[in-house]
């Protein structure tokens, strides 16, 4: 009977060691899978952030181009207005000189 108890204890120890080794392997597998998922998520999040930053940069660039175009248009309009004003002032000056001469 003692022999049976000792054999049962040895059998239980062997099974426990096998379960422990199996659990350690499973833990390693789970850890490796979690690390791979974390790396993939990090890569995905980094790409998303870079894509969003690029979209913001492009939008800012387009807005800047629109602002520059509008400023250019206003500058041309102001130039035309000033040229017209200059022409009117010249005409008035000529009239004033002619009026003085007559």
PDB file of N, CA and C in Angstrom:
ATOM      1  N   UNK A   1       0.813  -1.183   0.000  1.00  0.00           N
ATOM      2  CA  UNK A   1       0.000   0.000   0.000  1.00  0.00           C
ATOM      3  C   UNK A   1       0.867   1.262   0.000  1.00  0.00           C
ATOM      4  N   UNK A   2       1.929   1.242   0.754  1.00  0.00           N
ATOM      5  CA  UNK A   2       2.841   2.373   0.793  1.00  0.00           C
ATOM      6  C   UNK A   2       3.416   2.614  -0.590  1.00  0.00           C
ATOM      7  N   UNK A   3       3.716   1.528  -1.248  1.00  0.00           N
ATOM      8  CA  UNK A   3       4.265   1.622  -2.597  1.00  0.00           C
ATOM      9  C   UNK A   3       3.263   2.305  -3.526  1.00  0.00           C
ATOM     10  N   UNK A   4       2.007   1.999  -3.392  1.00  0.00           N
ATOM     11  CA  UNK A   4       0.966   2.591  -4.219  1.00  0.00           C
ATOM     12  C   UNK A   4       0.843   4.091  -3.941  1.00  0.00           C
ATOM     13  N   UNK A   5       0.974   4.460  -2.682  1.00  0.00           N
ATOM     14  CA  UNK A   5       0.887   5.878  -2.313  1.00  0.00           C
ATOM     15  C   UNK A   5       2.072   6.638  -2.908  1.00  0.00           C
ATOM     16  N   UNK A   6       3.263   6.039  -2.779  1.00  0.00           N
ATOM     17  CA  UNK A   6       4.469   6.671  -3.325  1.00  0.00           C
ATOM     18  C   UNK A   6       4.344   6.796  -4.842  1.00  0.00           C
ATOM     19  N   UNK A   7       3.863   5.748  -5.497  1.00  0.00           N
ATOM     20  CA  UNK A   7       3.676   5.797  -6.951  1.00  0.00           C
ATOM     21  C   UNK A   7       2.648   6.866  -7.335  1.00  0.00           C
ATOM     22  N   UNK A   8       1.586   6.967  -6.556  1.00  0.00           N
ATOM     23  CA  UNK A   8       0.549   7.968  -6.822  1.00  0.00           C
ATOM     24  C   UNK A   8       1.117   9.381  -6.655  1.00  0.00           C
ATOM     25  N   UNK A   9       1.953   9.563  -5.619  1.00  0.00           N
ATOM     26  CA  UNK A   9       2.581  10.872  -5.391  1.00  0.00           C
ATOM     27  C   UNK A   9       3.512  11.211  -6.548  1.00  0.00           C
ATOM     28  N   UNK A  10       4.313  10.236  -6.970  1.00  0.00           N
ATOM     29  CA  UNK A  10       5.229  10.459  -8.094  1.00  0.00           C
ATOM     30  C   UNK A  10       4.438  10.793  -9.369  1.00  0.00           C
ATOM     31  N   UNK A  11       3.368  10.048  -9.572  1.00  0.00           N
ATOM     32  CA  UNK A  11       2.519  10.295 -10.742  1.00  0.00           C
ATOM     33  C   UNK A  11       1.942  11.711 -10.688  1.00  0.00           C
ATOM     34  N   UNK A  12       1.477  12.124  -9.510  1.00  0.00           N
ATOM     35  CA  UNK A  12       0.915  13.466  -9.342  1.00  0.00           C
ATOM     36  C   UNK A  12       1.988  14.528  -9.573  1.00  0.00           C
ATOM     37  N   UNK A  13       3.205  14.269  -9.072  1.00  0.00           N
ATOM     38  CA  UNK A  13       4.309  15.214  -9.273  1.00  0.00           C
ATOM     39  C   UNK A  13       4.659  15.327 -10.761  1.00  0.00           C
ATOM     40  N   UNK A  14       4.695  14.192 -11.446  1.00  0.00           N
ATOM     41  CA  UNK A  14       5.001  14.177 -12.876  1.00  0.00           C
ATOM     42  C   UNK A  14       3.936  14.950 -13.651  1.00  0.00           C
ATOM     43  N   UNK A  15       2.676  14.711 -13.321  1.00  0.00           N
ATOM     44  CA  UNK A  15       1.583  15.419 -13.989  1.00  0.00           C
ATOM     45  C   UNK A  15       1.632  16.915 -13.692  1.00  0.00           C
ATOM     46  N   UNK A  16       1.958  17.262 -12.446  1.00  0.00           N
ATOM     47  CA  UNK A  16       2.048  18.674 -12.062  1.00  0.00           C
ATOM     48  C   UNK A  16       3.186  19.358 -12.818  1.00  0.00           C
ATOM     49  N   UNK A  17       4.314  18.658 -12.940  1.00  0.00           N
ATOM     50  CA  UNK A  17       5.450  19.224 -13.677  1.00  0.00           C
ATOM     51  C   UNK A  17       5.084  19.415 -15.147  1.00  0.00           C
ATOM     52  N   UNK A  18       4.380  18.443 -15.718  1.00  0.00           N
ATOM     53  CA  UNK A  18       3.966  18.546 -17.118  1.00  0.00           C
ATOM     54  C   UNK A  18       2.987  19.704 -17.297  1.00  0.00           C
ATOM     55  N   UNK A  19       2.031  19.842 -16.368  1.00  0.00           N
ATOM     56  CA  UNK A  19       1.075  20.947 -16.437  1.00  0.00           C
ATOM     57  C   UNK A  19       1.780  22.292 -16.273  1.00  0.00           C
ATOM     58  N   UNK A  20       2.753  22.323 -15.382  1.00  0.00           N
ATOM     59  CA  UNK A  20       3.506  23.556 -15.154  1.00  0.00           C
ATOM     60  C   UNK A  20       4.280  23.949 -16.416  1.00  0.00           C
ATOM     61  N   UNK A  21       4.923  22.980 -17.049  1.00  0.00           N
ATOM     62  CA  UNK A  21       5.665  23.244 -18.284  1.00  0.00           C
ATOM     63  C   UNK A  21       4.707  23.691 -19.386  1.00  0.00           C
ATOM     64  N   UNK A  22       3.567  23.031 -19.473  1.00  0.00           N
ATOM     65  CA  UNK A  22       2.568  23.395 -20.477  1.00  0.00           C
ATOM     66  C   UNK A  22       2.044  24.813 -20.221  1.00  0.00           C
ATOM     67  N   UNK A  23       1.809  25.140 -18.955  1.00  0.00           N
ATOM     68  CA  UNK A  23       1.328  26.477 -18.602  1.00  0.00           C
ATOM     69  C   UNK A  23       2.383  27.531 -18.928  1.00  0.00           C
ATOM     70  N   UNK A  24       3.651  27.211 -18.687  1.00  0.00           N
ATOM     71  CA  UNK A  24       4.734  28.151 -18.996  1.00  0.00           C
ATOM     72  C   UNK A  24       4.808  28.393 -20.505  1.00  0.00           C
ATOM     73  N   UNK A  25       4.681  27.316 -21.291  1.00  0.00           N
ATOM     74  CA  UNK A  25       4.696  27.473 -22.749  1.00  0.00           C
ATOM     75  C   UNK A  25       3.504  28.302 -23.221  1.00  0.00           C
ATOM     76  N   UNK A  26       2.341  28.038 -22.637  1.00  0.00           N
ATOM     77  CA  UNK A  26       1.135  28.786 -23.001  1.00  0.00           C
ATOM     78  C   UNK A  26       1.302  30.264 -22.628  1.00  0.00           C
ATOM     79  N   UNK A  27       1.891  30.523 -21.466  1.00  0.00           N
ATOM     80  CA  UNK A  27       2.130  31.905 -21.042  1.00  0.00           C
ATOM     81  C   UNK A  27       3.087  32.596 -22.010  1.00  0.00           C
ATOM     82  N   UNK A  28       4.128  31.902 -22.437  1.00  0.00           N
ATOM     83  CA  UNK A  28       5.072  32.464 -23.406  1.00  0.00           C
ATOM     84  C   UNK A  28       4.371  32.762 -24.732  1.00  0.00           C
ATOM     85  N   UNK A  29       3.525  31.833 -25.167  1.00  0.00           N
ATOM     86  CA  UNK A  29       2.791  32.027 -26.415  1.00  0.00           C
ATOM     87  C   UNK A  29       1.870  33.244 -26.316  1.00  0.00           C
ATOM     88  N   UNK A  30       1.156  33.345 -25.203  1.00  0.00           N
ATOM     89  CA  UNK A  30       0.241  34.475 -25.002  1.00  0.00           C
ATOM     90  C   UNK A  30       1.023  35.786 -24.957  1.00  0.00           C
ATOM     91  N   UNK A  31       2.152  35.782 -24.255  1.00  0.00           N
ATOM     92  CA  UNK A  31       2.982  36.980 -24.161  1.00  0.00           C
ATOM     93  C   UNK A  31       3.507  37.390 -25.537  1.00  0.00           C
ATOM     94  N   UNK A  32       3.980  36.408 -26.299  1.00  0.00           N
ATOM     95  CA  UNK A  32       4.494  36.702 -27.643  1.00  0.00           C
ATOM     96  C   UNK A  32       3.383  37.264 -28.522  1.00  0.00           C
ATOM     97  N   UNK A  33       2.206  36.670 -28.446  1.00  0.00           N
ATOM     98  CA  UNK A  33       1.066  37.145 -29.236  1.00  0.00           C
ATOM     99  C   UNK A  33       0.692  38.572 -28.828  1.00  0.00           C
ATOM    100  N   UNK A  34       0.699  38.845 -27.526  1.00  0.00           N
ATOM    101  CA  UNK A  34       0.374  40.192 -27.040  1.00  0.00           C
ATOM    102  C   UNK A  34       1.412  41.205 -27.525  1.00  0.00           C
ATOM    103  N   UNK A  35       2.683  40.817 -27.504  1.00  0.00           N
ATOM    104  CA  UNK A  35       3.740  41.713 -27.990  1.00  0.00           C
ATOM    105  C   UNK A  35       3.576  41.993 -29.484  1.00  0.00           C
ATOM    106  N   UNK A  36       3.225  40.959 -30.246  1.00  0.00           N
ATOM    107  CA  UNK A  36       3.012  41.141 -31.684  1.00  0.00           C
ATOM    108  C   UNK A  36       1.822  42.060 -31.949  1.00  0.00           C
ATOM    109  N   UNK A  37       0.748  41.856 -31.176  1.00  0.00           N
ATOM    110  CA  UNK A  37      -0.430  42.708 -31.343  1.00  0.00           C
ATOM    111  C   UNK A  37      -0.109  44.152 -30.958  1.00  0.00           C
ATOM    112  N   UNK A  38       0.666  44.315 -29.883  1.00  0.00           N
ATOM    113  CA  UNK A  38       1.045  45.667 -29.455  1.00  0.00           C
ATOM    114  C   UNK A  38       1.898  46.349 -30.522  1.00  0.00           C
ATOM    115  N   UNK A  39       2.832  45.607 -31.105  1.00  0.00           N
ATOM    116  CA  UNK A  39       3.683  46.176 -32.159  1.00  0.00           C
ATOM    117  C   UNK A  39       2.843  46.559 -33.377  1.00  0.00           C
ATOM    118  N   UNK A  40       1.903  45.693 -33.747  1.00  0.00           N
ATOM    119  CA  UNK A  40       1.035  45.985 -34.896  1.00  0.00           C
ATOM    120  C   UNK A  40       0.158  47.208 -34.608  1.00  0.00           C
ATOM    121  N   UNK A  41      -0.374  47.284 -33.393  1.00  0.00           N
ATOM    122  CA  UNK A  41      -1.211  48.423 -33.013  1.00  0.00           C
ATOM    123  C   UNK A  41      -0.396  49.713 -33.012  1.00  0.00           C
ATOM    124  N   UNK A  42       0.822  49.635 -32.488  1.00  0.00           N
ATOM    125  CA  UNK A  42       1.707  50.808 -32.476  1.00  0.00           C
ATOM    126  C   UNK A  42       1.979  51.273 -33.905  1.00  0.00           C
ATOM    127  N   UNK A  43       2.267  50.319 -34.785  1.00  0.00           N
ATOM    128  CA  UNK A  43       2.543  50.652 -36.185  1.00  0.00           C
ATOM    129  C   UNK A  43       1.314  51.295 -36.830  1.00  0.00           C
ATOM    130  N   UNK A  44       0.153  50.712 -36.572  1.00  0.00           N
ATOM    131  CA  UNK A  44      -1.096  51.232 -37.143  1.00  0.00           C
ATOM    132  C   UNK A  44      -1.388  52.643 -36.629  1.00  0.00           C
ATOM    133  N   UNK A  45      -1.213  52.843 -35.316  1.00  0.00           N
ATOM    134  CA  UNK A  45      -1.487  54.152 -34.723  1.00  0.00           C
ATOM    135  C   UNK A  45      -0.493  55.201 -35.230  1.00  0.00           C
ATOM    136  N   UNK A  46       0.758  54.801 -35.392  1.00  0.00           N
ATOM    137  CA  UNK A  46       1.774  55.718 -35.909  1.00  0.00           C
ATOM    138  C   UNK A  46       1.436  56.121 -37.336  1.00  0.00           C
ATOM    139  N   UNK A  47       1.049  55.141 -38.157  1.00  0.00           N
ATOM    140  CA  UNK A  47       0.680  55.437 -39.545  1.00  0.00           C
ATOM    141  C   UNK A  47      -0.531  56.363 -39.586  1.00  0.00           C
ATOM    142  N   UNK A  48      -1.506  56.087 -38.737  1.00  0.00           N
ATOM    143  CA  UNK A  48      -2.706  56.920 -38.706  1.00  0.00           C
ATOM    144  C   UNK A  48      -2.349  58.353 -38.307  1.00  0.00           C
ATOM    145  N   UNK A  49      -1.501  58.494 -37.293  1.00  0.00           N
ATOM    146  CA  UNK A  49      -1.092  59.834 -36.852  1.00  0.00           C
ATOM    147  C   UNK A  49      -0.332  60.564 -37.955  1.00  0.00           C
ATOM    148  N   UNK A  50       0.551  59.850 -38.642  1.00  0.00           N
ATOM    149  CA  UNK A  50       1.307  60.465 -39.738  1.00  0.00           C
ATOM    150  C   UNK A  50       0.382  60.859 -40.886  1.00  0.00           C
ATOM    151  N   UNK A  51      -0.583  59.999 -41.195  1.00  0.00           N
ATOM    152  CA  UNK A  51      -1.542  60.308 -42.262  1.00  0.00           C
ATOM    153  C   UNK A  51      -2.370  61.545 -41.904  1.00  0.00           C
ATOM    154  N   UNK A  52      -2.806  61.608 -40.635  1.00  0.00           N
ATOM    155  CA  UNK A  52      -3.592  62.761 -40.192  1.00  0.00           C
ATOM    156  C   UNK A  52      -2.746  64.034 -40.239  1.00  0.00           C
ATOM    157  N   UNK A  53      -1.499  63.929 -39.811  1.00  0.00           N
ATOM    158  CA  UNK A  53      -0.605  65.094 -39.844  1.00  0.00           C
ATOM    159  C   UNK A  53      -0.383  65.552 -41.285  1.00  0.00           C
ATOM    160  N   UNK A  54      -0.234  64.608 -42.185  1.00  0.00           N
ATOM    161  CA  UNK A  54      -0.045  64.943 -43.602  1.00  0.00           C
ATOM    162  C   UNK A  54      -1.294  65.627 -44.159  1.00  0.00           C
ATOM    163  N   UNK A  55      -2.465  65.137 -43.762  1.00  0.00           N
ATOM    164  CA  UNK A  55      -3.718  65.747 -44.227  1.00  0.00           C
ATOM    165  C   UNK A  55      -3.836  67.180 -43.708  1.00  0.00           C
ATOM    166  N   UNK A  56      -3.460  67.391 -42.449  1.00  0.00           N
ATOM    167  CA  UNK A  56      -3.500  68.740 -41.874  1.00  0.00           C
ATOM    168  C   UNK A  56      -2.515  69.648 -42.608  1.00  0.00           C
ATOM    169  N   UNK A  57      -1.318  69.123 -42.896  1.00  0.00           N
ATOM    170  CA  UNK A  57      -0.309  69.913 -43.612  1.00  0.00           C
ATOM    171  C   UNK A  57      -0.813  70.304 -44.999  1.00  0.00           C
ATOM    172  N   UNK A  58      -1.412  69.343 -45.698  1.00  0.00           N
ATOM    173  CA  UNK A  58      -1.935  69.620 -47.039  1.00  0.00           C
ATOM    174  C   UNK A  58      -3.052  70.656 -46.992  1.00  0.00           C
ATOM    175  N   UNK A  59      -3.930  70.536 -45.991  1.00  0.00           N
ATOM    176  CA  UNK A  59      -5.022  71.503 -45.858  1.00  0.00           C
ATOM    177  C   UNK A  59      -4.464  72.897 -45.578  1.00  0.00           C
ATOM    178  N   UNK A  60      -3.456  72.972 -44.723  1.00  0.00           N
ATOM    179  CA  UNK A  60      -2.838  74.264 -44.418  1.00  0.00           C
ATOM    180  C   UNK A  60      -2.162  74.842 -45.654  1.00  0.00           C
ATOM    181  N   UNK A  61      -1.526  73.978 -46.413  1.00  0.00           N
ATOM    182  CA  UNK A  61      -0.860  74.420 -47.643  1.00  0.00           C
ATOM    183  C   UNK A  61      -1.884  74.973 -48.637  1.00  0.00           C
ATOM    184  N   UNK A  62      -3.007  74.289 -48.771  1.00  0.00           N
ATOM    185  CA  UNK A  62      -4.057  74.755 -49.679  1.00  0.00           C
ATOM    186  C   UNK A  62      -4.642  76.082 -49.195  1.00  0.00           C
ATOM    187  N   UNK A  63      -4.858  76.176 -47.889  1.00  0.00           N
ATOM    188  CA  UNK A  63      -5.397  77.414 -47.325  1.00  0.00           C
ATOM    189  C   UNK A  63      -4.420  78.572 -47.558  1.00  0.00           C
ATOM    190  N   UNK A  64      -3.152  78.289 -47.392  1.00  0.00           N
ATOM    191  CA  UNK A  64      -2.117  79.302 -47.629  1.00  0.00           C
ATOM    192  C   UNK A  64      -2.136  79.748 -49.093  1.00  0.00           C
ATOM    193  N   UNK A  65      -2.264  78.798 -50.002  1.00  0.00           N
ATOM    194  CA  UNK A  65      -2.308  79.129 -51.430  1.00  0.00           C
ATOM    195  C   UNK A  65      -3.517  80.009 -51.738  1.00  0.00           C
ATOM    196  N   UNK A  66      -4.648  79.701 -51.128  1.00  0.00           N
ATOM    197  CA  UNK A  66      -5.858  80.506 -51.340  1.00  0.00           C
ATOM    198  C   UNK A  66      -5.638  81.918 -50.796  1.00  0.00           C
ATOM    199  N   UNK A  67      -5.039  82.004 -49.605  1.00  0.00           N
ATOM    200  CA  UNK A  67      -4.787  83.314 -49.000  1.00  0.00           C
ATOM    201  C   UNK A  67      -3.827  84.141 -49.860  1.00  0.00           C
ATOM    202  N   UNK A  68      -2.783  83.499 -50.372  1.00  0.00           N
ATOM    203  CA  UNK A  68      -1.833  84.203 -51.234  1.00  0.00           C
ATOM    204  C   UNK A  68      -2.505  84.674 -52.519  1.00  0.00           C
ATOM    205  N   UNK A  69      -3.341  83.831 -53.087  1.00  0.00           N
ATOM    206  CA  UNK A  69      -4.057  84.188 -54.309  1.00  0.00           C
ATOM    207  C   UNK A  69      -4.983  85.375 -54.054  1.00  0.00           C
ATOM    208  N   UNK A  70      -5.675  85.337 -52.932  1.00  0.00           N
ATOM    209  CA  UNK A  70      -6.584  86.434 -52.581  1.00  0.00           C
ATOM    210  C   UNK A  70      -5.801  87.730 -52.355  1.00  0.00           C
ATOM    211  N   UNK A  71      -4.659  87.631 -51.684  1.00  0.00           N
ATOM    212  CA  UNK A  71      -3.829  88.819 -51.446  1.00  0.00           C
ATOM    213  C   UNK A  71      -3.318  89.388 -52.769  1.00  0.00           C
ATOM    214  N   UNK A  72      -2.933  88.505 -53.673  1.00  0.00           N
ATOM    215  CA  UNK A  72      -2.465  88.929 -55.000  1.00  0.00           C
ATOM    216  C   UNK A  72      -3.583  89.657 -55.751  1.00  0.00           C
ATOM    217  N   UNK A  73      -4.780  89.099 -55.682  1.00  0.00           N
ATOM    218  CA  UNK A  73      -5.937  89.704 -56.347  1.00  0.00           C
ATOM    219  C   UNK A  73      -6.217  91.091 -55.765  1.00  0.00           C
ATOM    220  N   UNK A  74      -6.181  91.192 -54.434  1.00  0.00           N
ATOM    221  CA  UNK A  74      -6.434  92.484 -53.789  1.00  0.00           C
ATOM    222  C   UNK A  74      -5.350  93.497 -54.152  1.00  0.00           C
ATOM    223  N   UNK A  75      -4.111  93.021 -54.235  1.00  0.00           N
ATOM    224  CA  UNK A  75      -3.004  93.905 -54.607  1.00  0.00           C
ATOM    225  C   UNK A  75      -3.211  94.455 -56.022  1.00  0.00           C
ATOM    226  N   UNK A  76      -3.610  93.600 -56.952  1.00  0.00           N
ATOM    227  CA  UNK A  76      -3.862  94.051 -58.325  1.00  0.00           C
ATOM    228  C   UNK A  76      -5.012  95.051 -58.369  1.00  0.00           C
ATOM    229  N   UNK A  77      -6.087  94.749 -57.626  1.00  0.00           N
ATOM    230  CA  UNK A  77      -7.234  95.655 -57.596  1.00  0.00           C
ATOM    231  C   UNK A  77      -6.835  97.015 -57.023  1.00  0.00           C
ATOM    232  N   UNK A  78      -6.015  96.996 -55.969  1.00  0.00           N
ATOM    233  CA  UNK A  78      -5.556  98.254 -55.368  1.00  0.00           C
ATOM    234  C   UNK A  78      -4.679  99.024 -56.352  1.00  0.00           C
ATOM    235  N   UNK A  79      -3.843  98.321 -57.094  1.00  0.00           N
ATOM    236  CA  UNK A  79      -3.007  98.968 -58.113  1.00  0.00           C
ATOM    237  C   UNK A  79      -3.850  99.634 -59.178  1.00  0.00           C
ATOM    238  N   UNK A  80      -4.871  98.942 -59.635  1.00  0.00           N
ATOM    239  CA  UNK A  80      -5.779  99.499 -60.652  1.00  0.00           C
ATOM    240  C   UNK A  80      -6.491 100.731 -60.098  1.00  0.00           C
ATOM    241  N   UNK A  81      -6.950 100.642 -58.851  1.00  0.00           N
ATOM    242  CA  UNK A  81      -7.649 101.771 -58.221  1.00  0.00           C
ATOM    243  C   UNK A  81      -6.716 102.981 -58.103  1.00  0.00           C
ATOM    244  N   UNK A  82      -5.476 102.727 -57.685  1.00  0.00           N
ATOM    245  CA  UNK A  82      -4.521 103.831 -57.535  1.00  0.00           C
ATOM    246  C   UNK A  82      -4.152 104.444 -58.885  1.00  0.00           C
ATOM    247  N   UNK A  83      -4.027 103.616 -59.917  1.00  0.00           N
ATOM    248  CA  UNK A  83      -3.744 104.140 -61.262  1.00  0.00           C
ATOM    249  C   UNK A  83      -4.892 105.016 -61.752  1.00  0.00           C
ATOM    250  N   UNK A  84      -6.120 104.583 -61.495  1.00  0.00           N
ATOM    251  CA  UNK A  84      -7.288 105.375 -61.897  1.00  0.00           C
ATOM    252  C   UNK A  84      -7.316 106.696 -61.132  1.00  0.00           C
ATOM    253  N   UNK A  85      -6.998 106.644 -59.849  1.00  0.00           N
ATOM    254  CA  UNK A  85      -6.961 107.858 -59.032  1.00  0.00           C
ATOM    255  C   UNK A  85      -5.878 108.809 -59.538  1.00  0.00           C
ATOM    256  N   UNK A  86      -4.721 108.256 -59.879  1.00  0.00           N
ATOM    257  CA  UNK A  86      -3.624 109.065 -60.416  1.00  0.00           C
ATOM    258  C   UNK A  86      -4.035 109.733 -61.729  1.00  0.00           C
ATOM    259  N   UNK A  87      -4.700 108.976 -62.585  1.00  0.00           N
ATOM    260  CA  UNK A  87      -5.170 109.534 -63.861  1.00  0.00           C
ATOM    261  C   UNK A  87      -6.138 110.685 -63.612  1.00  0.00           C
ATOM    262  N   UNK A  88      -7.061 110.505 -62.678  1.00  0.00           N
ATOM    263  CA  UNK A  88      -8.017 111.573 -62.350  1.00  0.00           C
ATOM    264  C   UNK A  88      -7.296 112.803 -61.808  1.00  0.00           C
ATOM    265  N   UNK A  89      -6.321 112.601 -60.953  1.00  0.00           N
ATOM    266  CA  UNK A  89      -5.585 113.726 -60.363  1.00  0.00           C
ATOM    267  C   UNK A  89      -4.792 114.474 -61.439  1.00  0.00           C
ATOM    268  N   UNK A  90      -4.207 113.715 -62.368  1.00  0.00           N
ATOM    269  CA  UNK A  90      -3.481 114.357 -63.475  1.00  0.00           C
ATOM    270  C   UNK A  90      -4.436 115.206 -64.318  1.00  0.00           C
ATOM    271  N   UNK A  91      -5.590 114.623 -64.604  1.00  0.00           N
ATOM    272  CA  UNK A  91      -6.592 115.336 -65.407  1.00  0.00           C
ATOM    273  C   UNK A  91      -7.013 116.624 -64.688  1.00  0.00           C
ATOM    274  N   UNK A  92      -7.241 116.547 -63.386  1.00  0.00           N
ATOM    275  CA  UNK A  92      -7.624 117.727 -62.606  1.00  0.00           C
ATOM    276  C   UNK A  92      -6.501 118.767 -62.615  1.00  0.00           C
ATOM    277  N   UNK A  93      -5.257 118.285 -62.512  1.00  0.00           N
ATOM    278  CA  UNK A  93      -4.115 119.209 -62.520  1.00  0.00           C
ATOM    279  C   UNK A  93      -4.011 119.923 -63.866  1.00  0.00           C
ATOM    280  N   UNK A  94      -4.208 119.176 -64.950  1.00  0.00           N
ATOM    281  CA  UNK A  94      -4.158 119.771 -66.289  1.00  0.00           C
ATOM    282  C   UNK A  94      -5.265 120.805 -66.421  1.00  0.00           C
ATOM    283  N   UNK A  95      -6.471 120.476 -65.955  1.00  0.00           N
ATOM    284  CA  UNK A  95      -7.595 121.419 -66.020  1.00  0.00           C
ATOM    285  C   UNK A  95      -7.288 122.680 -65.215  1.00  0.00           C
ATOM    286  N   UNK A  96      -6.682 122.482 -64.043  1.00  0.00           N
ATOM    287  CA  UNK A  96      -6.362 123.630 -63.190  1.00  0.00           C
ATOM    288  C   UNK A  96      -5.329 124.527 -63.861  1.00  0.00           C
ATOM    289  N   UNK A  97      -4.329 123.928 -64.480  1.00  0.00           N
ATOM    290  CA  UNK A  97      -3.298 124.708 -65.173  1.00  0.00           C
ATOM    291  C   UNK A  97      -3.921 125.440 -66.356  1.00  0.00           C
ATOM    292  N   UNK A  98      -4.758 124.751 -67.122  1.00  0.00           N
ATOM    293  CA  UNK A  98      -5.416 125.382 -68.274  1.00  0.00           C
ATOM    294  C   UNK A  98      -6.347 126.509 -67.827  1.00  0.00           C
ATOM    295  N   UNK A  99      -7.015 126.314 -66.717  1.00  0.00           N
ATOM    296  CA  UNK A  99      -7.919 127.345 -66.200  1.00  0.00           C
ATOM    297  C   UNK A  99      -7.125 128.579 -65.786  1.00  0.00           C
ATOM    298  N   UNK A 100      -5.950 128.379 -65.260  1.00  0.00           N
ATOM    299  CA  UNK A 100      -5.096 129.498 -64.860  1.00  0.00           C
ATOM    300  C   UNK A 100      -4.573 130.243 -66.090  1.00  0.00           C
ATOM    301  N   UNK A 101      -4.319 129.494 -67.148  1.00  0.00           N
ATOM    302  CA  UNK A 101      -3.782 130.099 -68.359  1.00  0.00           C
ATOM    303  C   UNK A 101      -4.848 130.863 -69.142  1.00  0.00           C
ATOM    304  N   UNK A 102      -6.059 130.496 -69.033  1.00  0.00           N
ATOM    305  CA  UNK A 102      -7.111 131.117 -69.829  1.00  0.00           C
ATOM    306  C   UNK A 102      -7.661 132.329 -69.153  1.00  0.00           C
TER     307      UNK A 102
END
